[in-house]
Amino acid sequence: MKNELRKNLKNICKNEYSESLTKLLRECKEYKNAKNIMIFYPLKNEISLLSLLEDEDKNFYLPRIEGSNLYCCPYKKGDALKLSEFNTKEPISSPVDKNQIELVVVPALCCDKNNYRLGYGKGFYDRFLKDFQGKKVVCLPSSLILDTVYPEEHDVPVDIVITC
């Protein structure tokens, strides 16, 4: 069931919602209160939150995959990035302890009404978030909030879903 959802949702273009969702995230108290924030470098059809990098009072981090692990690495606008095996852009900086991050913006194909997200199926974020102590947020168009994404035991719900 999840694979069928992924297949149907992978190519829906979400980037037209980027500006609105970035604005709503900036208004969120968890964002306002956080100093250390992990975002993601968007794939072709994903929401882009990269304009957040203009917020000079924040420290930003991007994910990097090594083996089966996801690490958070410091990133400032203009820092070098490398292309990963998954065709995503990743920082080359050294990873930091994930629990110094106060807010993680998690990529998702869609989300359900219980805040479970559907990712790309490799489990990197679920493993990363399992013992993460900060807040977890997903930003998506409201049309991508479904009744269920058929969560499994290892799936980790997010704390906040921001929609427009």
N, C-alpha and C. Protein backbone atom coordinates (compact mmCIF):
# COMPACT_ATOMS: atom_id res chain seq x y z
N MET A 1 0.83 -1.20 0.00
CA MET A 1 0.00 0.00 0.00
C MET A 1 0.87 1.27 0.00
N LYS A 2 1.92 1.29 0.85
CA LYS A 2 2.80 2.45 0.90
C LYS A 2 3.53 2.66 -0.42
N ASN A 3 3.97 1.58 -1.04
CA ASN A 3 4.68 1.70 -2.31
C ASN A 3 3.78 2.28 -3.40
N GLU A 4 2.51 1.91 -3.38
CA GLU A 4 1.55 2.45 -4.35
C GLU A 4 1.38 3.96 -4.12
N LEU A 5 1.27 4.36 -2.86
CA LEU A 5 1.18 5.78 -2.54
C LEU A 5 2.40 6.53 -3.04
N ARG A 6 3.59 6.00 -2.74
CA ARG A 6 4.83 6.62 -3.18
C ARG A 6 4.85 6.83 -4.69
N LYS A 7 4.47 5.78 -5.41
CA LYS A 7 4.48 5.84 -6.87
C LYS A 7 3.57 6.96 -7.37
N ASN A 8 2.41 7.10 -6.75
CA ASN A 8 1.44 8.12 -7.19
C ASN A 8 1.84 9.54 -6.78
N LEU A 9 2.59 9.67 -5.70
CA LEU A 9 2.88 10.99 -5.15
C LEU A 9 4.24 11.55 -5.53
N LYS A 10 5.14 10.71 -5.98
CA LYS A 10 6.53 11.11 -6.22
C LYS A 10 6.67 12.30 -7.16
N ASN A 11 5.83 12.36 -8.18
CA ASN A 11 6.00 13.39 -9.20
C ASN A 11 5.06 14.58 -9.06
N ILE A 12 4.31 14.63 -7.97
CA ILE A 12 3.46 15.81 -7.75
C ILE A 12 4.37 16.99 -7.42
N CYS A 13 4.22 18.05 -8.15
CA CYS A 13 5.07 19.22 -7.95
C CYS A 13 4.58 20.03 -6.76
N LYS A 14 5.42 20.13 -5.75
CA LYS A 14 5.07 20.86 -4.54
C LYS A 14 5.78 22.20 -4.45
N ASN A 15 6.75 22.44 -5.33
CA ASN A 15 7.58 23.63 -5.15
C ASN A 15 6.83 24.95 -5.36
N GLU A 16 5.65 24.92 -5.98
CA GLU A 16 4.87 26.16 -6.13
C GLU A 16 4.34 26.65 -4.78
N TYR A 17 4.38 25.78 -3.76
CA TYR A 17 3.91 26.14 -2.43
C TYR A 17 5.05 26.60 -1.51
N SER A 18 6.25 26.60 -2.02
CA SER A 18 7.44 26.88 -1.19
C SER A 18 7.37 28.22 -0.47
N GLU A 19 7.04 29.26 -1.19
CA GLU A 19 7.02 30.59 -0.59
C GLU A 19 6.00 30.68 0.55
N SER A 20 4.79 30.18 0.32
CA SER A 20 3.74 30.22 1.35
C SER A 20 4.12 29.39 2.58
N LEU A 21 4.66 28.20 2.34
CA LEU A 21 5.02 27.33 3.46
C LEU A 21 6.21 27.88 4.24
N THR A 22 7.15 28.51 3.54
CA THR A 22 8.28 29.14 4.23
C THR A 22 7.78 30.25 5.14
N LYS A 23 6.87 31.05 4.64
CA LYS A 23 6.29 32.15 5.44
C LYS A 23 5.59 31.59 6.69
N LEU A 24 4.78 30.54 6.51
CA LEU A 24 4.07 29.94 7.65
C LEU A 24 5.03 29.33 8.65
N LEU A 25 6.09 28.71 8.18
CA LEU A 25 7.08 28.14 9.09
C LEU A 25 7.76 29.25 9.89
N ARG A 26 8.10 30.34 9.24
CA ARG A 26 8.74 31.47 9.95
C ARG A 26 7.83 32.03 11.05
N GLU A 27 6.52 31.91 10.87
CA GLU A 27 5.56 32.42 11.86
C GLU A 27 5.33 31.44 13.02
N CYS A 28 5.78 30.22 12.86
CA CYS A 28 5.58 29.16 13.85
C CYS A 28 6.46 29.43 15.09
N LYS A 29 5.88 29.31 16.29
CA LYS A 29 6.65 29.63 17.51
C LYS A 29 7.85 28.71 17.68
N GLU A 30 7.74 27.47 17.24
CA GLU A 30 8.87 26.54 17.37
C GLU A 30 10.04 27.00 16.49
N TYR A 31 9.74 27.55 15.33
CA TYR A 31 10.80 28.10 14.48
C TYR A 31 11.39 29.35 15.11
N LYS A 32 10.52 30.24 15.55
CA LYS A 32 10.99 31.49 16.16
C LYS A 32 11.90 31.22 17.35
N ASN A 33 11.56 30.20 18.15
CA ASN A 33 12.33 29.91 19.36
C ASN A 33 13.60 29.09 19.11
N ALA A 34 13.70 28.48 17.95
CA ALA A 34 14.85 27.61 17.66
C ALA A 34 16.02 28.41 17.12
N LYS A 35 17.21 28.04 17.57
CA LYS A 35 18.44 28.66 17.07
C LYS A 35 19.10 27.73 16.04
N ASN A 36 19.00 26.41 16.26
CA ASN A 36 19.64 25.41 15.41
C ASN A 36 18.57 24.58 14.70
N ILE A 37 18.55 24.70 13.37
CA ILE A 37 17.46 24.13 12.58
C ILE A 37 18.02 23.31 11.42
N MET A 38 17.51 22.10 11.28
CA MET A 38 17.90 21.28 10.13
C MET A 38 16.79 21.33 9.09
N ILE A 39 17.16 21.70 7.88
CA ILE A 39 16.24 21.67 6.75
C ILE A 39 16.79 20.63 5.77
N PHE A 40 16.25 20.56 4.58
CA PHE A 40 16.76 19.62 3.58
C PHE A 40 16.90 20.35 2.26
N TYR A 41 17.83 19.88 1.45
CA TYR A 41 17.99 20.43 0.11
C TYR A 41 16.96 19.73 -0.77
N PRO A 42 16.08 20.49 -1.42
CA PRO A 42 14.94 19.86 -2.11
C PRO A 42 15.32 19.11 -3.38
N LEU A 43 14.60 18.02 -3.60
CA LEU A 43 14.63 17.34 -4.88
C LEU A 43 13.76 18.14 -5.84
N LYS A 44 13.72 17.73 -7.10
CA LYS A 44 13.04 18.47 -8.15
C LYS A 44 11.62 18.91 -7.79
N ASN A 45 10.80 18.03 -7.24
CA ASN A 45 9.39 18.37 -6.99
C ASN A 45 9.07 18.66 -5.53
N GLU A 46 10.10 18.83 -4.71
CA GLU A 46 9.86 19.05 -3.28
C GLU A 46 9.75 20.53 -2.94
N ILE A 47 9.15 20.78 -1.79
CA ILE A 47 9.10 22.12 -1.22
C ILE A 47 10.54 22.60 -1.04
N SER A 48 10.81 23.84 -1.39
CA SER A 48 12.12 24.42 -1.12
C SER A 48 11.99 25.42 0.02
N LEU A 49 12.74 25.17 1.07
CA LEU A 49 12.77 26.07 2.22
C LEU A 49 14.12 26.80 2.29
N LEU A 50 14.86 26.77 1.20
CA LEU A 50 16.21 27.33 1.20
C LEU A 50 16.25 28.83 1.47
N SER A 51 15.15 29.53 1.24
CA SER A 51 15.14 30.97 1.54
C SER A 51 15.26 31.23 3.04
N LEU A 52 15.01 30.19 3.86
CA LEU A 52 15.23 30.34 5.30
C LEU A 52 16.68 30.65 5.62
N LEU A 53 17.59 30.25 4.74
CA LEU A 53 19.02 30.48 4.97
C LEU A 53 19.36 31.95 5.08
N GLU A 54 18.43 32.81 4.67
CA GLU A 54 18.61 34.27 4.80
C GLU A 54 18.43 34.72 6.26
N ASP A 55 17.85 33.88 7.10
CA ASP A 55 17.59 34.26 8.49
C ASP A 55 18.89 34.16 9.29
N GLU A 56 19.56 35.29 9.42
CA GLU A 56 20.91 35.32 9.98
C GLU A 56 20.98 35.02 11.47
N ASP A 57 19.84 35.03 12.16
CA ASP A 57 19.85 34.73 13.60
C ASP A 57 19.73 33.23 13.88
N LYS A 58 19.77 32.42 12.84
CA LYS A 58 19.63 30.96 12.96
C LYS A 58 20.90 30.27 12.46
N ASN A 59 21.15 29.07 12.99
CA ASN A 59 22.19 28.19 12.47
C ASN A 59 21.48 27.07 11.73
N PHE A 60 21.89 26.82 10.50
CA PHE A 60 21.22 25.79 9.70
C PHE A 60 22.10 24.57 9.48
N TYR A 61 21.43 23.47 9.27
CA TYR A 61 22.08 22.18 9.06
C TYR A 61 21.34 21.47 7.93
N LEU A 62 22.08 20.65 7.20
CA LEU A 62 21.50 19.82 6.15
C LEU A 62 21.86 18.37 6.45
N PRO A 63 21.03 17.44 5.99
CA PRO A 63 21.32 16.02 6.23
C PRO A 63 22.38 15.49 5.26
N ARG A 64 23.12 14.51 5.73
CA ARG A 64 24.04 13.76 4.88
C ARG A 64 23.88 12.28 5.20
N ILE A 65 23.79 11.47 4.17
CA ILE A 65 23.63 10.02 4.32
C ILE A 65 25.00 9.36 4.23
N GLU A 66 25.28 8.51 5.19
CA GLU A 66 26.49 7.67 5.15
C GLU A 66 26.06 6.28 5.56
N GLY A 67 26.14 5.34 4.64
CA GLY A 67 25.68 3.98 4.92
C GLY A 67 24.18 4.00 5.14
N SER A 68 23.74 3.52 6.29
CA SER A 68 22.31 3.53 6.60
C SER A 68 21.94 4.65 7.58
N ASN A 69 22.88 5.56 7.82
CA ASN A 69 22.68 6.63 8.81
C ASN A 69 22.51 7.99 8.16
N LEU A 70 21.72 8.82 8.81
CA LEU A 70 21.53 10.20 8.41
C LEU A 70 22.21 11.06 9.47
N TYR A 71 23.06 11.97 9.04
CA TYR A 71 23.77 12.87 9.95
C TYR A 71 23.38 14.30 9.65
N CYS A 72 23.46 15.17 10.66
CA CYS A 72 23.19 16.58 10.41
C CYS A 72 24.51 17.34 10.41
N CYS A 73 24.68 18.13 9.36
CA CYS A 73 25.94 18.84 9.13
C CYS A 73 25.66 20.34 8.99
N PRO A 74 26.50 21.17 9.62
CA PRO A 74 26.32 22.63 9.50
C PRO A 74 26.34 23.07 8.04
N TYR A 75 25.51 24.06 7.74
CA TYR A 75 25.48 24.59 6.38
C TYR A 75 25.10 26.06 6.41
N LYS A 76 25.88 26.85 5.67
CA LYS A 76 25.56 28.26 5.44
C LYS A 76 25.42 28.45 3.94
N LYS A 77 24.58 29.37 3.55
CA LYS A 77 24.38 29.66 2.14
C LYS A 77 25.74 29.88 1.46
N GLY A 78 25.95 29.16 0.38
CA GLY A 78 27.20 29.29 -0.36
C GLY A 78 28.24 28.24 -0.02
N ASP A 79 28.05 27.48 1.07
CA ASP A 79 28.98 26.40 1.41
C ASP A 79 28.95 25.33 0.31
N ALA A 80 30.06 24.62 0.19
CA ALA A 80 30.16 23.57 -0.81
C ALA A 80 29.20 22.43 -0.52
N LEU A 81 28.64 21.87 -1.57
CA LEU A 81 27.75 20.70 -1.49
C LEU A 81 28.25 19.65 -2.46
N LYS A 82 27.97 18.39 -2.16
CA LYS A 82 28.31 17.32 -3.09
C LYS A 82 27.04 16.56 -3.44
N LEU A 83 27.04 15.94 -4.59
CA LEU A 83 25.89 15.15 -5.03
C LEU A 83 26.00 13.75 -4.42
N SER A 84 24.95 13.32 -3.75
CA SER A 84 24.96 12.02 -3.07
C SER A 84 24.56 10.91 -4.02
N GLU A 85 24.64 9.69 -3.53
CA GLU A 85 24.22 8.53 -4.33
C GLU A 85 22.72 8.56 -4.62
N PHE A 86 21.95 9.34 -3.84
CA PHE A 86 20.51 9.46 -4.05
C PHE A 86 20.16 10.69 -4.88
N ASN A 87 21.19 11.33 -5.45
CA ASN A 87 21.00 12.50 -6.30
C ASN A 87 20.52 13.72 -5.52
N THR A 88 20.84 13.78 -4.25
CA THR A 88 20.52 14.95 -3.44
C THR A 88 21.81 15.70 -3.16
N LYS A 89 21.71 16.97 -2.89
CA LYS A 89 22.88 17.76 -2.54
C LYS A 89 23.09 17.68 -1.03
N GLU A 90 24.33 17.38 -0.65
CA GLU A 90 24.67 17.20 0.76
C GLU A 90 25.88 18.05 1.12
N PRO A 91 25.92 18.50 2.37
CA PRO A 91 27.08 19.29 2.82
C PRO A 91 28.32 18.40 2.97
N ILE A 92 29.47 19.03 2.90
CA ILE A 92 30.71 18.28 3.11
C ILE A 92 31.29 18.55 4.49
N SER A 93 30.62 19.39 5.27
CA SER A 93 31.08 19.71 6.63
C SER A 93 30.91 18.49 7.54
N SER A 94 31.60 18.52 8.67
CA SER A 94 31.55 17.41 9.63
C SER A 94 30.23 17.39 10.38
N PRO A 95 29.68 16.21 10.64
CA PRO A 95 28.41 16.10 11.37
C PRO A 95 28.54 16.58 12.82
N VAL A 96 27.41 16.99 13.36
CA VAL A 96 27.32 17.39 14.77
C VAL A 96 26.32 16.47 15.47
N ASP A 97 26.28 16.53 16.80
CA ASP A 97 25.31 15.76 17.58
C ASP A 97 23.91 16.24 17.22
N LYS A 98 23.07 15.32 16.80
CA LYS A 98 21.72 15.70 16.35
C LYS A 98 20.91 16.38 17.44
N ASN A 99 21.22 16.12 18.69
CA ASN A 99 20.40 16.70 19.75
C ASN A 99 20.80 18.13 20.11
N GLN A 100 21.72 18.71 19.35
CA GLN A 100 21.93 20.16 19.48
C GLN A 100 20.97 20.90 18.54
N ILE A 101 20.29 20.12 17.67
CA ILE A 101 19.29 20.68 16.76
C ILE A 101 17.97 20.78 17.54
N GLU A 102 17.33 21.93 17.44
CA GLU A 102 16.07 22.12 18.15
C GLU A 102 14.84 21.86 17.28
N LEU A 103 15.01 21.99 15.96
CA LEU A 103 13.89 21.81 15.04
C LEU A 103 14.40 21.16 13.76
N VAL A 104 13.74 20.08 13.36
CA VAL A 104 14.06 19.41 12.10
C VAL A 104 12.86 19.51 11.18
N VAL A 105 13.08 20.05 9.99
CA VAL A 105 12.04 20.06 8.96
C VAL A 105 12.28 18.80 8.12
N VAL A 106 11.29 17.92 8.12
CA VAL A 106 11.42 16.60 7.53
C VAL A 106 10.75 16.58 6.16
N PRO A 107 11.43 16.07 5.13
CA PRO A 107 10.78 15.95 3.82
C PRO A 107 9.71 14.86 3.84
N ALA A 108 8.70 15.02 3.01
CA ALA A 108 7.62 14.03 2.95
C ALA A 108 6.92 14.11 1.61
N LEU A 109 6.48 12.96 1.15
CA LEU A 109 5.62 12.91 -0.04
C LEU A 109 4.21 13.32 0.34
N CYS A 110 3.79 12.91 1.55
CA CYS A 110 2.49 13.28 2.10
C CYS A 110 2.54 12.99 3.59
N CYS A 111 1.45 13.32 4.26
CA CYS A 111 1.36 13.12 5.70
C CYS A 111 -0.08 12.73 6.01
N ASP A 112 -0.29 12.09 7.16
CA ASP A 112 -1.68 11.76 7.50
C ASP A 112 -2.15 12.59 8.68
N LYS A 113 -3.40 12.39 9.05
CA LYS A 113 -4.04 13.19 10.09
C LYS A 113 -3.49 12.91 11.49
N ASN A 114 -2.67 11.88 11.62
CA ASN A 114 -2.02 11.57 12.89
C ASN A 114 -0.54 11.95 12.87
N ASN A 115 -0.16 12.77 11.89
CA ASN A 115 1.20 13.31 11.75
C ASN A 115 2.26 12.28 11.36
N TYR A 116 1.83 11.16 10.80
CA TYR A 116 2.80 10.23 10.23
C TYR A 116 3.06 10.67 8.80
N ARG A 117 4.31 10.63 8.40
CA ARG A 117 4.69 11.05 7.05
C ARG A 117 5.03 9.85 6.20
N LEU A 118 4.87 10.03 4.92
CA LEU A 118 5.33 9.03 3.97
C LEU A 118 6.57 9.61 3.32
N GLY A 119 7.69 8.92 3.51
CA GLY A 119 8.95 9.34 2.90
C GLY A 119 9.21 8.50 1.66
N TYR A 120 10.49 8.37 1.35
CA TYR A 120 10.87 7.66 0.14
C TYR A 120 11.13 6.17 0.36
N GLY A 121 10.97 5.72 1.60
CA GLY A 121 10.98 4.28 1.85
C GLY A 121 12.28 3.67 2.32
N LYS A 122 13.31 4.47 2.55
CA LYS A 122 14.59 3.91 2.99
C LYS A 122 14.75 3.96 4.52
N GLY A 123 13.89 4.73 5.21
CA GLY A 123 13.91 4.76 6.67
C GLY A 123 14.96 5.65 7.31
N PHE A 124 15.69 6.44 6.53
CA PHE A 124 16.75 7.27 7.10
C PHE A 124 16.23 8.22 8.18
N TYR A 125 15.15 8.93 7.85
CA TYR A 125 14.61 9.89 8.81
C TYR A 125 13.99 9.20 10.01
N ASP A 126 13.30 8.08 9.82
CA ASP A 126 12.72 7.36 10.96
C ASP A 126 13.82 6.93 11.94
N ARG A 127 14.92 6.43 11.43
CA ARG A 127 16.03 6.04 12.31
C ARG A 127 16.62 7.26 13.00
N PHE A 128 16.78 8.35 12.25
CA PHE A 128 17.33 9.58 12.81
C PHE A 128 16.42 10.16 13.90
N LEU A 129 15.12 10.14 13.66
CA LEU A 129 14.16 10.78 14.56
C LEU A 129 13.78 9.93 15.77
N LYS A 130 14.10 8.66 15.74
CA LYS A 130 13.68 7.72 16.78
C LYS A 130 14.01 8.24 18.19
N ASP A 131 15.21 8.74 18.39
CA ASP A 131 15.59 9.24 19.72
C ASP A 131 15.97 10.72 19.67
N PHE A 132 15.49 11.42 18.65
CA PHE A 132 15.73 12.86 18.52
C PHE A 132 14.90 13.60 19.57
N GLN A 133 15.51 14.59 20.23
CA GLN A 133 14.84 15.26 21.35
C GLN A 133 14.16 16.58 20.98
N GLY A 134 14.46 17.11 19.78
CA GLY A 134 13.86 18.38 19.39
C GLY A 134 12.49 18.19 18.74
N LYS A 135 12.00 19.26 18.15
CA LYS A 135 10.70 19.23 17.46
C LYS A 135 10.88 18.82 16.01
N LYS A 136 9.87 18.13 15.49
CA LYS A 136 9.86 17.63 14.12
C LYS A 136 8.69 18.25 13.38
N VAL A 137 8.95 18.79 12.20
CA VAL A 137 7.89 19.47 11.45
C VAL A 137 7.94 19.03 9.98
N VAL A 138 6.75 18.96 9.38
CA VAL A 138 6.59 18.72 7.95
C VAL A 138 5.82 19.91 7.38
N CYS A 139 6.22 20.37 6.19
CA CYS A 139 5.53 21.45 5.49
C CYS A 139 5.03 20.90 4.16
N LEU A 140 3.72 20.92 3.96
CA LEU A 140 3.12 20.36 2.75
C LEU A 140 1.86 21.13 2.35
N PRO A 141 1.51 21.08 1.07
CA PRO A 141 0.20 21.59 0.66
C PRO A 141 -0.91 20.77 1.34
N SER A 142 -2.00 21.39 1.70
CA SER A 142 -3.08 20.70 2.42
C SER A 142 -3.66 19.53 1.62
N SER A 143 -3.53 19.57 0.30
CA SER A 143 -4.05 18.47 -0.53
C SER A 143 -3.27 17.16 -0.31
N LEU A 144 -2.11 17.24 0.35
CA LEU A 144 -1.29 16.06 0.58
C LEU A 144 -1.39 15.54 2.02
N ILE A 145 -2.45 15.96 2.71
CA ILE A 145 -2.75 15.42 4.03
C ILE A 145 -3.85 14.36 3.81
N LEU A 146 -3.49 13.12 4.07
CA LEU A 146 -4.39 12.00 3.81
C LEU A 146 -4.96 11.44 5.11
N ASP A 147 -5.96 10.60 5.00
CA ASP A 147 -6.51 9.94 6.20
C ASP A 147 -5.46 9.07 6.87
N THR A 148 -4.72 8.30 6.08
CA THR A 148 -3.67 7.46 6.64
C THR A 148 -2.57 7.24 5.60
N VAL A 149 -1.36 7.03 6.11
CA VAL A 149 -0.24 6.63 5.25
C VAL A 149 0.20 5.22 5.63
N TYR A 150 -0.67 4.53 6.36
CA TYR A 150 -0.44 3.14 6.78
C TYR A 150 0.87 3.00 7.57
N PRO A 151 0.95 3.73 8.71
CA PRO A 151 2.19 3.69 9.48
C PRO A 151 2.51 2.29 10.01
N GLU A 152 3.80 2.04 10.12
CA GLU A 152 4.29 0.78 10.66
C GLU A 152 4.97 1.07 11.99
N GLU A 153 5.33 0.03 12.70
CA GLU A 153 5.88 0.16 14.04
C GLU A 153 7.10 1.07 14.11
N HIS A 154 7.94 1.05 13.09
CA HIS A 154 9.18 1.84 13.10
C HIS A 154 8.97 3.30 12.69
N ASP A 155 7.80 3.65 12.18
CA ASP A 155 7.55 5.02 11.72
C ASP A 155 7.44 5.98 12.90
N VAL A 156 8.01 7.16 12.73
CA VAL A 156 8.02 8.18 13.78
C VAL A 156 7.16 9.36 13.32
N PRO A 157 6.11 9.71 14.07
CA PRO A 157 5.30 10.86 13.67
C PRO A 157 6.04 12.17 13.93
N VAL A 158 5.65 13.21 13.22
CA VAL A 158 6.20 14.53 13.48
C VAL A 158 5.32 15.23 14.51
N ASP A 159 5.85 16.30 15.07
CA ASP A 159 5.10 17.06 16.09
C ASP A 159 4.16 18.08 15.46
N ILE A 160 4.57 18.62 14.32
CA ILE A 160 3.84 19.73 13.71
C ILE A 160 3.72 19.48 12.21
N VAL A 161 2.53 19.73 11.66
CA VAL A 161 2.34 19.72 10.22
C VAL A 161 1.85 21.09 9.82
N ILE A 162 2.61 21.75 8.96
CA ILE A 162 2.26 23.08 8.47
C ILE A 162 1.74 22.93 7.05
N THR A 163 0.55 23.46 6.80
CA THR A 163 -0.07 23.33 5.48
C THR A 163 -0.53 24.69 4.96
N CYS A 164 -0.74 24.73 3.65
CA CYS A 164 -1.33 25.91 3.03
C CYS A 164 -2.25 25.46 1.92
